[in-house]
Amino acid sequence: MRKDFEIFGKIDFVRLVKDQQGKSRGYAFITFRNERDAGYARDKADGRIIDNNRILVDRELGRTKKGWRPRRLGGGKGGQTRSSNSDWLVEDV
């Protein structure tokens, strides 16, 4: 993950989340040194393919934005979801 994201800026921290057997759970946390690089990575890396998987890049808002809800509860990227058969973002209605 570090190699795939360091092109966007200096990284302080990368944590790949794994299960108890050491297998990746399919997500990671990356902390950039400055906010500008993090925003650039969010804009440019979202939707890229890494290890044959399309990735979703978002920023952690649970502790920083009042009233924010996780994606699984209808929050996340502003009510937008990905269509599984397309590269387009589809807005929930």
C-alpha atoms as a PDB file:
ATOM      1  CA  MET A   1       0.000   0.000   0.000  1.00  0.00           C
ATOM      2  CA  ARG A   2       2.809   2.391   0.820  1.00  0.00           C
ATOM      3  CA  LYS A   3       4.272   2.013  -2.670  1.00  0.00           C
ATOM      4  CA  ASP A   4       0.889   2.619  -4.303  1.00  0.00           C
ATOM      5  CA  PHE A   5       0.165   5.776  -2.286  1.00  0.00           C
ATOM      6  CA  GLU A   6       3.548   7.433  -1.731  1.00  0.00           C
ATOM      7  CA  ILE A   7       3.345   8.882  -5.247  1.00  0.00           C
ATOM      8  CA  PHE A   8       0.769  11.337  -3.837  1.00  0.00           C
ATOM      9  CA  GLY A   9       2.948  12.640  -1.011  1.00  0.00           C
ATOM     10  CA  LYS A  10       4.898  11.823   2.139  1.00  0.00           C
ATOM     11  CA  ILE A  11       3.279   9.141   4.277  1.00  0.00           C
ATOM     12  CA  ASP A  12       3.554   8.955   8.063  1.00  0.00           C
ATOM     13  CA  PHE A  13       1.686   5.733   8.699  1.00  0.00           C
ATOM     14  CA  VAL A  14       0.186   2.741   6.862  1.00  0.00           C
ATOM     15  CA  ARG A  15      -1.871   0.069   8.602  1.00  0.00           C
ATOM     16  CA  LEU A  16      -3.205  -2.854   6.604  1.00  0.00           C
ATOM     17  CA  VAL A  17      -6.076  -4.398   8.563  1.00  0.00           C
ATOM     18  CA  LYS A  18      -5.823  -8.185   8.918  1.00  0.00           C
ATOM     19  CA  ASP A  19      -7.919 -10.903  10.529  1.00  0.00           C
ATOM     20  CA  GLN A  20      -6.706 -13.207  13.304  1.00  0.00           C
ATOM     21  CA  GLN A  21      -5.113 -15.567  10.772  1.00  0.00           C
ATOM     22  CA  GLY A  22      -3.101 -12.727   9.237  1.00  0.00           C
ATOM     23  CA  LYS A  23      -5.173 -12.470   6.037  1.00  0.00           C
ATOM     24  CA  SER A  24      -6.005  -8.984   4.746  1.00  0.00           C
ATOM     25  CA  ARG A  25      -9.552  -7.832   5.489  1.00  0.00           C
ATOM     26  CA  GLY A  26      -9.476  -5.666   2.369  1.00  0.00           C
ATOM     27  CA  TYR A  27      -8.875  -2.224   3.807  1.00  0.00           C
ATOM     28  CA  ALA A  28      -6.109  -0.052   5.156  1.00  0.00           C
ATOM     29  CA  PHE A  29      -5.505   3.248   6.902  1.00  0.00           C
ATOM     30  CA  ILE A  30      -2.959   5.667   5.477  1.00  0.00           C
ATOM     31  CA  THR A  31      -1.887   8.895   7.177  1.00  0.00           C
ATOM     32  CA  PHE A  32      -0.196  11.549   5.062  1.00  0.00           C
ATOM     33  CA  ARG A  33       2.134  14.203   6.470  1.00  0.00           C
ATOM     34  CA  ASN A  34       0.014  17.030   5.190  1.00  0.00           C
ATOM     35  CA  GLU A  35      -3.654  17.544   4.413  1.00  0.00           C
ATOM     36  CA  ARG A  36      -3.038  18.658   0.835  1.00  0.00           C
ATOM     37  CA  ASP A  37      -1.381  15.356  -0.089  1.00  0.00           C
ATOM     38  CA  ALA A  38      -4.183  13.408   1.589  1.00  0.00           C
ATOM     39  CA  GLY A  39      -6.784  15.298  -0.434  1.00  0.00           C
ATOM     40  CA  TYR A  40      -4.816  14.758  -3.620  1.00  0.00           C
ATOM     41  CA  ALA A  41      -4.598  11.008  -2.917  1.00  0.00           C
ATOM     42  CA  ARG A  42      -8.314  10.855  -2.165  1.00  0.00           C
ATOM     43  CA  ASP A  43      -9.139  12.583  -5.459  1.00  0.00           C
ATOM     44  CA  LYS A  44      -6.689  10.720  -7.692  1.00  0.00           C
ATOM     45  CA  ALA A  45      -6.529   7.216  -6.170  1.00  0.00           C
ATOM     46  CA  ASP A  46     -10.255   6.600  -5.760  1.00  0.00           C
ATOM     47  CA  GLY A  47     -11.353   3.963  -8.252  1.00  0.00           C
ATOM     48  CA  ARG A  48      -7.855   2.766  -9.130  1.00  0.00           C
ATOM     49  CA  ILE A  49      -7.132  -0.942  -9.475  1.00  0.00           C
ATOM     50  CA  ILE A  50      -4.679  -2.466  -6.976  1.00  0.00           C
ATOM     51  CA  ASP A  51      -4.085  -6.237  -7.006  1.00  0.00           C
ATOM     52  CA  ASN A  52      -7.063  -6.704  -9.358  1.00  0.00           C
ATOM     53  CA  ASN A  53      -9.415  -4.881  -6.972  1.00  0.00           C
ATOM     54  CA  ARG A  54     -11.021  -1.480  -7.503  1.00  0.00           C
ATOM     55  CA  ILE A  55     -10.308   0.596  -4.423  1.00  0.00           C
ATOM     56  CA  LEU A  56     -12.460   3.134  -2.637  1.00  0.00           C
ATOM     57  CA  VAL A  57     -10.572   6.038  -1.084  1.00  0.00           C
ATOM     58  CA  ASP A  58     -12.282   8.138   1.546  1.00  0.00           C
ATOM     59  CA  ARG A  59     -11.180  10.099   4.580  1.00  0.00           C
ATOM     60  CA  GLU A  60     -11.838   9.178   8.177  1.00  0.00           C
ATOM     61  CA  LEU A  61     -14.540  11.460   9.478  1.00  0.00           C
ATOM     62  CA  GLY A  62     -15.975   9.517  12.412  1.00  0.00           C
ATOM     63  CA  ARG A  63     -13.979  11.480  14.968  1.00  0.00           C
ATOM     64  CA  THR A  64     -13.752  14.786  13.129  1.00  0.00           C
ATOM     65  CA  LYS A  65     -17.171  15.607  11.634  1.00  0.00           C
ATOM     66  CA  LYS A  66     -20.286  15.914  13.770  1.00  0.00           C
ATOM     67  CA  GLY A  67     -23.230  13.853  12.519  1.00  0.00           C
ATOM     68  CA  TRP A  68     -21.171  11.784  10.101  1.00  0.00           C
ATOM     69  CA  ARG A  69     -22.412   8.224   9.513  1.00  0.00           C
ATOM     70  CA  PRO A  70     -20.391   5.295   8.152  1.00  0.00           C
ATOM     71  CA  ARG A  71     -20.986   4.072   4.622  1.00  0.00           C
ATOM     72  CA  ARG A  72     -22.748   0.921   5.811  1.00  0.00           C
ATOM     73  CA  LEU A  73     -25.376   3.124   7.499  1.00  0.00           C
ATOM     74  CA  GLY A  74     -25.971   5.344   4.478  1.00  0.00           C
ATOM     75  CA  GLY A  75     -23.149   7.828   5.032  1.00  0.00           C
ATOM     76  CA  GLY A  76     -19.634   7.945   3.673  1.00  0.00           C
ATOM     77  CA  LYS A  77     -18.974   9.554   0.304  1.00  0.00           C
ATOM     78  CA  GLY A  78     -21.932  11.915   0.258  1.00  0.00           C
ATOM     79  CA  GLY A  79     -24.573   9.307  -0.603  1.00  0.00           C
ATOM     80  CA  GLN A  80     -22.762   8.038  -3.678  1.00  0.00           C
ATOM     81  CA  THR A  81     -22.242   4.354  -4.384  1.00  0.00           C
ATOM     82  CA  ARG A  82     -20.391   2.501  -7.096  1.00  0.00           C
ATOM     83  CA  SER A  83     -22.210   0.478  -9.659  1.00  0.00           C
ATOM     84  CA  SER A  84     -20.590  -2.956  -9.780  1.00  0.00           C
ATOM     85  CA  ASN A  85     -20.803  -3.085 -13.596  1.00  0.00           C
ATOM     86  CA  SER A  86     -19.496   0.381 -14.322  1.00  0.00           C
ATOM     87  CA  ASP A  87     -16.756   2.861 -13.585  1.00  0.00           C
ATOM     88  CA  TRP A  88     -19.357   5.580 -13.003  1.00  0.00           C
ATOM     89  CA  LEU A  89     -20.474   6.843  -9.643  1.00  0.00           C
ATOM     90  CA  VAL A  90     -24.216   6.507  -9.181  1.00  0.00           C
ATOM     91  CA  GLU A  91     -25.998   8.766  -6.715  1.00  0.00           C
ATOM     92  CA  ASP A  92     -28.574   7.100  -4.461  1.00  0.00           C
ATOM     93  CA  VAL A  93     -32.098   8.438  -4.861  1.00  0.00           C
END
